[in-house]
């Protein structure tokens, strides 16, 4: 019985590795937690709660944007896109190095998103694990034509 269970685990690990399973690997739990943090942060922006999104963002994000500047910049941008019609997770990639940042723990979360005024878009949220162990937004981009 124990042999069969061990063999099943080995086969599952091999199949997962061959299929490129995003839920496998040494950082699967980090990717899961970071993606949940990204989803929650995006929900705030979807609701137009840009103050709340700034409050929930990471320290490096807050160094880039004072709250008033962030709200002033994101409000017309997101308004022009219109409400989110759909959002599908494309990927979550763990990395310890992002250009321009110190070594750390990061996950780049990518989505295929359809806004009312831009049906074919892609969103990218970089999330960083901060010293308190909490994953928080580091940056946010919307790119046209990224649903493919």
C-alpha atoms as a PDB file:
ATOM      1  CA  UNK A   1       0.000   0.000   0.000  1.00  0.00           C
ATOM      2  CA  UNK A   2       2.772   2.427   0.935  1.00  0.00           C
ATOM      3  CA  UNK A   3       4.686   1.488  -2.226  1.00  0.00           C
ATOM      4  CA  UNK A   4       1.652   2.188  -4.390  1.00  0.00           C
ATOM      5  CA  UNK A   5       1.132   5.576  -2.751  1.00  0.00           C
ATOM      6  CA  UNK A   6       4.793   6.504  -3.253  1.00  0.00           C
ATOM      7  CA  UNK A   7       4.661   5.392  -6.891  1.00  0.00           C
ATOM      8  CA  UNK A   8       1.508   7.464  -7.428  1.00  0.00           C
ATOM      9  CA  UNK A   9       3.204  10.534  -5.998  1.00  0.00           C
ATOM     10  CA  UNK A  10       6.237  10.066  -8.249  1.00  0.00           C
ATOM     11  CA  UNK A  11       4.038   9.645 -11.320  1.00  0.00           C
ATOM     12  CA  UNK A  12       1.972  12.716 -10.396  1.00  0.00           C
ATOM     13  CA  UNK A  13       5.139  14.770  -9.927  1.00  0.00           C
ATOM     14  CA  UNK A  14       6.502  13.653 -13.289  1.00  0.00           C
ATOM     15  CA  UNK A  15       3.246  14.376 -15.091  1.00  0.00           C
ATOM     16  CA  UNK A  16       2.989  17.736 -13.416  1.00  0.00           C
ATOM     17  CA  UNK A  17       6.530  18.613 -14.469  1.00  0.00           C
ATOM     18  CA  UNK A  18       5.969  17.470 -18.044  1.00  0.00           C
ATOM     19  CA  UNK A  19       2.748  19.443 -18.327  1.00  0.00           C
ATOM     20  CA  UNK A  20       4.301  22.615 -16.970  1.00  0.00           C
ATOM     21  CA  UNK A  21       1.835  22.673 -14.120  1.00  0.00           C
ATOM     22  CA  UNK A  22       1.685  26.137 -12.559  1.00  0.00           C
ATOM     23  CA  UNK A  23       0.393  24.650  -9.312  1.00  0.00           C
ATOM     24  CA  UNK A  24       3.536  22.588  -8.820  1.00  0.00           C
ATOM     25  CA  UNK A  25       7.041  23.412  -7.788  1.00  0.00           C
ATOM     26  CA  UNK A  26       8.750  24.809  -4.751  1.00  0.00           C
ATOM     27  CA  UNK A  27       6.969  28.197  -4.976  1.00  0.00           C
ATOM     28  CA  UNK A  28       3.420  27.044  -5.753  1.00  0.00           C
ATOM     29  CA  UNK A  29       2.084  28.296  -2.422  1.00  0.00           C
ATOM     30  CA  UNK A  30       3.821  31.661  -2.920  1.00  0.00           C
ATOM     31  CA  UNK A  31       2.234  32.014  -6.360  1.00  0.00           C
ATOM     32  CA  UNK A  32      -1.172  31.091  -4.921  1.00  0.00           C
ATOM     33  CA  UNK A  33      -0.913  33.662  -2.109  1.00  0.00           C
ATOM     34  CA  UNK A  34       0.496  36.376  -4.389  1.00  0.00           C
ATOM     35  CA  UNK A  35      -2.257  35.795  -6.949  1.00  0.00           C
ATOM     36  CA  UNK A  36      -4.897  36.102  -4.219  1.00  0.00           C
ATOM     37  CA  UNK A  37      -3.295  39.388  -3.108  1.00  0.00           C
ATOM     38  CA  UNK A  38      -3.254  40.622  -6.707  1.00  0.00           C
ATOM     39  CA  UNK A  39      -6.916  39.654  -7.181  1.00  0.00           C
ATOM     40  CA  UNK A  40      -7.932  41.521  -4.007  1.00  0.00           C
ATOM     41  CA  UNK A  41      -5.918  44.579  -5.028  1.00  0.00           C
ATOM     42  CA  UNK A  42      -7.456  44.601  -8.513  1.00  0.00           C
ATOM     43  CA  UNK A  43     -10.922  44.340  -6.987  1.00  0.00           C
ATOM     44  CA  UNK A  44     -10.281  47.641  -5.204  1.00  0.00           C
ATOM     45  CA  UNK A  45      -9.248  49.309  -8.469  1.00  0.00           C
ATOM     46  CA  UNK A  46     -12.268  47.788 -10.254  1.00  0.00           C
ATOM     47  CA  UNK A  47     -14.513  49.379  -7.632  1.00  0.00           C
ATOM     48  CA  UNK A  48     -12.827  52.761  -8.126  1.00  0.00           C
ATOM     49  CA  UNK A  49     -11.400  52.567  -4.602  1.00  0.00           C
ATOM     50  CA  UNK A  50      -8.015  53.956  -5.587  1.00  0.00           C
ATOM     51  CA  UNK A  51      -7.320  55.263  -2.082  1.00  0.00           C
ATOM     52  CA  UNK A  52      -7.882  51.738  -0.757  1.00  0.00           C
ATOM     53  CA  UNK A  53      -5.697  50.246  -3.498  1.00  0.00           C
ATOM     54  CA  UNK A  54      -2.899  52.632  -2.520  1.00  0.00           C
ATOM     55  CA  UNK A  55      -3.371  51.739   1.155  1.00  0.00           C
ATOM     56  CA  UNK A  56      -3.065  48.009   0.315  1.00  0.00           C
ATOM     57  CA  UNK A  57      -0.044  48.450  -1.983  1.00  0.00           C
ATOM     58  CA  UNK A  58       3.520  47.739  -0.964  1.00  0.00           C
ATOM     59  CA  UNK A  59       6.064  50.152   0.455  1.00  0.00           C
ATOM     60  CA  UNK A  60       7.942  50.461  -2.864  1.00  0.00           C
ATOM     61  CA  UNK A  61       4.704  51.296  -4.683  1.00  0.00           C
ATOM     62  CA  UNK A  62       4.007  54.006  -2.104  1.00  0.00           C
ATOM     63  CA  UNK A  63       7.498  55.445  -2.620  1.00  0.00           C
ATOM     64  CA  UNK A  64       6.781  55.751  -6.349  1.00  0.00           C
ATOM     65  CA  UNK A  65       3.407  57.435  -5.881  1.00  0.00           C
ATOM     66  CA  UNK A  66       2.142  59.636  -3.101  1.00  0.00           C
ATOM     67  CA  UNK A  67      -1.518  58.802  -2.613  1.00  0.00           C
ATOM     68  CA  UNK A  68      -2.930  61.940  -4.253  1.00  0.00           C
ATOM     69  CA  UNK A  69      -0.704  61.511  -7.324  1.00  0.00           C
ATOM     70  CA  UNK A  70      -1.718  57.857  -7.661  1.00  0.00           C
ATOM     71  CA  UNK A  71      -5.426  58.667  -7.456  1.00  0.00           C
ATOM     72  CA  UNK A  72      -5.039  61.566  -9.898  1.00  0.00           C
ATOM     73  CA  UNK A  73      -3.175  59.364 -12.407  1.00  0.00           C
ATOM     74  CA  UNK A  74      -5.228  56.150 -12.217  1.00  0.00           C
ATOM     75  CA  UNK A  75      -8.714  57.697 -12.100  1.00  0.00           C
ATOM     76  CA  UNK A  76      -8.922  59.005 -15.704  1.00  0.00           C
ATOM     77  CA  UNK A  77      -6.981  56.007 -16.999  1.00  0.00           C
ATOM     78  CA  UNK A  78      -9.316  53.407 -15.559  1.00  0.00           C
ATOM     79  CA  UNK A  79     -12.375  55.550 -16.303  1.00  0.00           C
ATOM     80  CA  UNK A  80     -11.377  55.605 -19.992  1.00  0.00           C
ATOM     81  CA  UNK A  81     -11.145  51.782 -20.018  1.00  0.00           C
ATOM     82  CA  UNK A  82     -14.613  51.403 -18.563  1.00  0.00           C
ATOM     83  CA  UNK A  83     -15.795  48.654 -16.246  1.00  0.00           C
ATOM     84  CA  UNK A  84     -14.202  45.207 -16.324  1.00  0.00           C
ATOM     85  CA  UNK A  85     -16.339  42.795 -18.345  1.00  0.00           C
ATOM     86  CA  UNK A  86     -14.151  39.749 -17.718  1.00  0.00           C
ATOM     87  CA  UNK A  87     -10.759  38.876 -16.314  1.00  0.00           C
ATOM     88  CA  UNK A  88      -8.982  35.539 -16.670  1.00  0.00           C
ATOM     89  CA  UNK A  89      -5.761  34.590 -14.948  1.00  0.00           C
ATOM     90  CA  UNK A  90      -3.091  33.814 -17.559  1.00  0.00           C
ATOM     91  CA  UNK A  91      -0.099  33.134 -15.336  1.00  0.00           C
ATOM     92  CA  UNK A  92       1.674  33.726 -12.069  1.00  0.00           C
ATOM     93  CA  UNK A  93       5.455  33.538 -12.228  1.00  0.00           C
ATOM     94  CA  UNK A  94       7.672  33.493  -9.135  1.00  0.00           C
ATOM     95  CA  UNK A  95      11.031  35.228  -9.405  1.00  0.00           C
ATOM     96  CA  UNK A  96      13.665  36.536  -7.059  1.00  0.00           C
ATOM     97  CA  UNK A  97      14.941  39.178  -9.462  1.00  0.00           C
ATOM     98  CA  UNK A  98      13.131  42.011 -11.184  1.00  0.00           C
ATOM     99  CA  UNK A  99      15.071  44.579 -13.161  1.00  0.00           C
ATOM    100  CA  UNK A 100      15.466  47.748 -11.138  1.00  0.00           C
ATOM    101  CA  UNK A 101      14.615  46.074  -7.824  1.00  0.00           C
ATOM    102  CA  UNK A 102      16.703  44.501  -5.106  1.00  0.00           C
ATOM    103  CA  UNK A 103      16.678  40.718  -4.904  1.00  0.00           C
ATOM    104  CA  UNK A 104      13.559  39.534  -3.147  1.00  0.00           C
ATOM    105  CA  UNK A 105      10.450  37.417  -3.575  1.00  0.00           C
ATOM    106  CA  UNK A 106       8.188  38.541  -6.414  1.00  0.00           C
ATOM    107  CA  UNK A 107       5.339  37.110  -8.446  1.00  0.00           C
ATOM    108  CA  UNK A 108       4.337  38.578 -11.784  1.00  0.00           C
ATOM    109  CA  UNK A 109       0.612  37.960 -12.233  1.00  0.00           C
ATOM    110  CA  UNK A 110      -0.823  38.321 -15.743  1.00  0.00           C
ATOM    111  CA  UNK A 111      -4.462  38.475 -16.757  1.00  0.00           C
ATOM    112  CA  UNK A 112      -6.439  38.563 -19.992  1.00  0.00           C
ATOM    113  CA  UNK A 113      -8.959  41.316 -19.375  1.00  0.00           C
ATOM    114  CA  UNK A 114     -11.884  42.740 -21.258  1.00  0.00           C
ATOM    115  CA  UNK A 115     -12.915  46.269 -20.332  1.00  0.00           C
ATOM    116  CA  UNK A 116     -16.063  47.934 -21.667  1.00  0.00           C
ATOM    117  CA  UNK A 117     -13.954  50.270 -23.815  1.00  0.00           C
ATOM    118  CA  UNK A 118     -11.018  47.950 -24.531  1.00  0.00           C
ATOM    119  CA  UNK A 119     -12.110  44.409 -25.137  1.00  0.00           C
ATOM    120  CA  UNK A 120      -8.625  43.044 -25.824  1.00  0.00           C
ATOM    121  CA  UNK A 121      -6.293  43.943 -22.961  1.00  0.00           C
ATOM    122  CA  UNK A 122      -3.790  42.373 -20.640  1.00  0.00           C
ATOM    123  CA  UNK A 123      -3.129  43.377 -17.072  1.00  0.00           C
ATOM    124  CA  UNK A 124       0.059  42.743 -15.155  1.00  0.00           C
ATOM    125  CA  UNK A 125       0.486  43.117 -11.426  1.00  0.00           C
ATOM    126  CA  UNK A 126       3.865  42.595  -9.811  1.00  0.00           C
ATOM    127  CA  UNK A 127       3.455  41.514  -6.212  1.00  0.00           C
ATOM    128  CA  UNK A 128       6.244  41.488  -3.639  1.00  0.00           C
ATOM    129  CA  UNK A 129       6.488  39.514  -0.418  1.00  0.00           C
ATOM    130  CA  UNK A 130       7.406  42.147   2.141  1.00  0.00           C
ATOM    131  CA  UNK A 131       9.356  41.661   5.355  1.00  0.00           C
ATOM    132  CA  UNK A 132       6.150  40.960   7.314  1.00  0.00           C
ATOM    133  CA  UNK A 133       5.413  38.011   4.989  1.00  0.00           C
ATOM    134  CA  UNK A 134       2.471  39.721   3.269  1.00  0.00           C
ATOM    135  CA  UNK A 135       2.242  39.905  -0.536  1.00  0.00           C
ATOM    136  CA  UNK A 136       1.554  43.457  -1.767  1.00  0.00           C
ATOM    137  CA  UNK A 137       1.328  45.199  -5.144  1.00  0.00           C
ATOM    138  CA  UNK A 138       4.568  46.620  -6.521  1.00  0.00           C
ATOM    139  CA  UNK A 139       3.339  47.789  -9.930  1.00  0.00           C
ATOM    140  CA  UNK A 140       0.372  47.647 -12.272  1.00  0.00           C
ATOM    141  CA  UNK A 141       0.160  47.842 -16.078  1.00  0.00           C
ATOM    142  CA  UNK A 142      -2.583  47.519 -18.653  1.00  0.00           C
ATOM    143  CA  UNK A 143      -1.446  46.609 -22.164  1.00  0.00           C
ATOM    144  CA  UNK A 144      -3.618  46.595 -25.275  1.00  0.00           C
ATOM    145  CA  UNK A 145      -3.953  43.450 -27.334  1.00  0.00           C
ATOM    146  CA  UNK A 146      -2.601  41.054 -24.710  1.00  0.00           C
ATOM    147  CA  UNK A 147      -5.424  38.502 -24.644  1.00  0.00           C
ATOM    148  CA  UNK A 148      -3.880  36.172 -27.231  1.00  0.00           C
END
